Amino acid sequence: MVAQKGKDILLKLQHEAAFVTVAGLRSKRIAFNSQTVDVTDADSAGRWRELLAGSGVQRASLSGAGIFKDAQSDGLIRMRFFAGEIVPWQVVVPGFGTVEGPFQITALEYTGAHDGELTFEIALESAGVVSFTVAP
């Protein structure tokens, strides 16, 4: 992956039949994790740990902080959070690719200083199969 501008990463939420950009995120994080299954036993060579390939639980998490794009975006996110809905999301990294799949909002925080704008922080956890499509 070549150097990218962090501000170019887009967070999109599926609304009706299309994905819409929902926020002007100033900081973002995408993490992929895979648990391991240890199958080490008394016969393991040199007592080295052995893992069972392809058997761990995989997950993706997304988080970010910034400002809402508009009142509609704020409303869409709040509605999904309070309903506990699992809906399709996309994270688009220009020049790299798109991560897409069902996610649930696990945290939503609002912050505001008396002399500044209202900002928010959001955290999402995968709730099904997540795909990655390489950018053309």
Protein backbone atom coordinates (compact mmCIF):
# COMPACT_ATOMS: atom_id res chain seq x y z
CA MET A 1 0.00 0.00 0.00
CA VAL A 2 1.38 3.40 -0.96
CA ALA A 3 1.06 6.45 1.27
CA GLN A 4 -2.54 7.64 1.63
CA LYS A 5 -4.20 10.71 3.10
CA GLY A 6 -6.17 9.61 6.17
CA LYS A 7 -8.90 12.11 5.39
CA ASP A 8 -9.75 10.22 2.19
CA ILE A 9 -11.12 7.16 4.04
CA LEU A 10 -14.92 7.14 3.77
CA LEU A 11 -17.41 5.55 6.17
CA LYS A 12 -20.66 4.61 4.44
CA LEU A 13 -23.91 3.17 5.79
CA GLN A 14 -26.50 1.35 3.69
CA HIS A 15 -29.70 3.38 3.62
CA GLU A 16 -32.55 2.09 1.50
CA ALA A 17 -30.87 0.63 -1.62
CA ALA A 18 -27.60 2.58 -1.62
CA PHE A 19 -24.56 3.31 0.52
CA VAL A 20 -24.37 6.91 1.74
CA THR A 21 -21.39 8.67 3.29
CA VAL A 22 -22.43 9.46 6.85
CA ALA A 23 -19.65 11.40 8.53
CA GLY A 24 -16.63 13.62 8.14
CA LEU A 25 -14.32 11.46 10.21
CA ARG A 26 -11.11 13.13 11.34
CA SER A 27 -9.57 9.95 12.72
CA LYS A 28 -10.31 6.38 11.72
CA ARG A 29 -9.18 2.88 12.59
CA ILE A 30 -9.85 -0.45 10.90
CA ALA A 31 -8.71 -3.65 12.62
CA PHE A 32 -8.96 -7.29 11.56
CA ASN A 33 -8.49 -10.04 14.12
CA SER A 34 -8.47 -13.83 14.04
CA GLN A 35 -8.48 -15.98 17.14
CA THR A 36 -6.26 -19.03 17.20
CA VAL A 37 -7.09 -22.59 18.20
CA ASP A 38 -4.22 -24.23 20.05
CA VAL A 39 -3.92 -27.98 19.31
CA THR A 40 -0.57 -28.53 21.03
CA ASP A 41 -0.24 -31.88 22.78
CA ALA A 42 2.44 -34.11 24.33
CA ASP A 43 3.55 -35.27 20.86
CA SER A 44 4.12 -31.74 19.49
CA ALA A 45 7.63 -31.45 18.04
CA GLY A 46 9.96 -29.79 20.51
CA ARG A 47 6.97 -28.76 22.62
CA TRP A 48 6.32 -25.94 20.19
CA ARG A 49 2.79 -24.64 20.02
CA GLU A 50 0.70 -25.94 17.13
CA LEU A 51 -2.30 -24.10 15.71
CA LEU A 52 -5.26 -25.45 13.78
CA ALA A 53 -5.37 -23.60 10.45
CA GLY A 54 -8.55 -21.78 9.46
CA SER A 55 -10.45 -22.59 12.63
CA GLY A 56 -10.41 -19.37 14.68
CA VAL A 57 -13.16 -16.77 14.83
CA GLN A 58 -12.47 -13.76 12.61
CA ARG A 59 -13.75 -10.27 13.26
CA ALA A 60 -13.36 -6.70 12.09
CA SER A 61 -13.75 -3.53 14.09
CA LEU A 62 -14.01 0.04 12.93
CA SER A 63 -13.79 3.23 14.92
CA GLY A 64 -13.55 6.90 14.21
CA ALA A 65 -14.11 10.40 15.47
CA GLY A 66 -15.23 13.52 13.69
CA ILE A 67 -18.27 15.56 12.74
CA PHE A 68 -21.51 14.47 11.13
CA LYS A 69 -21.92 15.23 7.44
CA ASP A 70 -25.44 16.57 8.02
CA ALA A 71 -28.52 16.14 10.24
CA GLN A 72 -29.74 13.17 8.17
CA SER A 73 -26.47 11.28 8.77
CA ASP A 74 -26.65 11.97 12.50
CA GLY A 75 -30.24 10.69 12.53
CA LEU A 76 -29.41 7.52 10.57
CA ILE A 77 -26.58 6.61 12.94
CA ARG A 78 -28.55 7.38 16.10
CA MET A 79 -31.53 5.36 14.82
CA ARG A 80 -29.30 2.33 14.10
CA PHE A 81 -27.60 2.59 17.49
CA PHE A 82 -30.76 2.82 19.62
CA ALA A 83 -32.45 0.06 17.63
CA GLY A 84 -29.38 -2.19 18.01
CA GLU A 85 -29.60 -2.92 14.29
CA ILE A 86 -27.02 -4.82 12.28
CA VAL A 87 -26.78 -3.25 8.83
CA PRO A 88 -24.30 -3.22 5.93
CA TRP A 89 -21.46 -0.68 6.14
CA GLN A 90 -18.59 0.14 3.81
CA VAL A 91 -15.17 1.58 4.50
CA VAL A 92 -13.58 2.92 1.32
CA VAL A 93 -9.82 3.48 1.25
CA PRO A 94 -9.07 5.17 -2.11
CA GLY A 95 -6.29 3.44 -4.04
CA PHE A 96 -6.45 0.42 -1.69
CA GLY A 97 -9.91 -1.08 -1.57
CA THR A 98 -13.31 -1.39 0.11
CA VAL A 99 -14.24 -3.32 3.24
CA GLU A 100 -17.93 -4.22 3.32
CA GLY A 101 -20.16 -6.23 5.61
CA PRO A 102 -22.73 -6.23 8.39
CA PHE A 103 -21.74 -4.25 11.49
CA GLN A 104 -23.38 -3.17 14.72
CA ILE A 105 -22.66 0.17 16.38
CA THR A 106 -21.20 -0.72 19.78
CA ALA A 107 -20.36 2.79 20.99
CA LEU A 108 -21.57 6.29 20.13
CA GLU A 109 -20.24 9.28 22.06
CA TYR A 110 -20.83 13.01 21.63
CA THR A 111 -18.41 15.72 22.79
CA GLY A 112 -18.53 19.48 22.55
CA ALA A 113 -16.46 22.35 23.89
CA HIS A 114 -18.11 25.68 24.68
CA ASP A 115 -16.10 27.34 21.89
CA GLY A 116 -16.07 24.53 19.32
CA GLU A 117 -18.17 22.22 17.21
CA LEU A 118 -19.99 19.09 18.34
CA THR A 119 -17.92 15.99 17.59
CA PHE A 120 -18.68 12.31 17.97
CA GLU A 121 -16.89 8.98 18.29
CA ILE A 122 -18.26 5.75 16.88
CA ALA A 123 -17.23 2.09 17.19
CA LEU A 124 -18.51 -0.75 15.00
CA GLU A 125 -18.06 -4.52 15.33
CA SER A 126 -18.58 -7.02 12.52
CA ALA A 127 -21.63 -9.25 12.75
CA GLY A 128 -21.14 -11.57 9.80
CA VAL A 129 -18.98 -12.13 6.74
CA VAL A 130 -16.78 -9.14 5.84
CA SER A 131 -15.41 -8.83 2.31
CA PHE A 132 -12.51 -6.87 0.84
CA THR A 133 -12.49 -5.64 -2.74
CA VAL A 134 -9.23 -4.31 -4.19
CA ALA A 135 -9.48 -0.83 -5.71
CA PRO A 136 -9.20 -0.76 -9.51
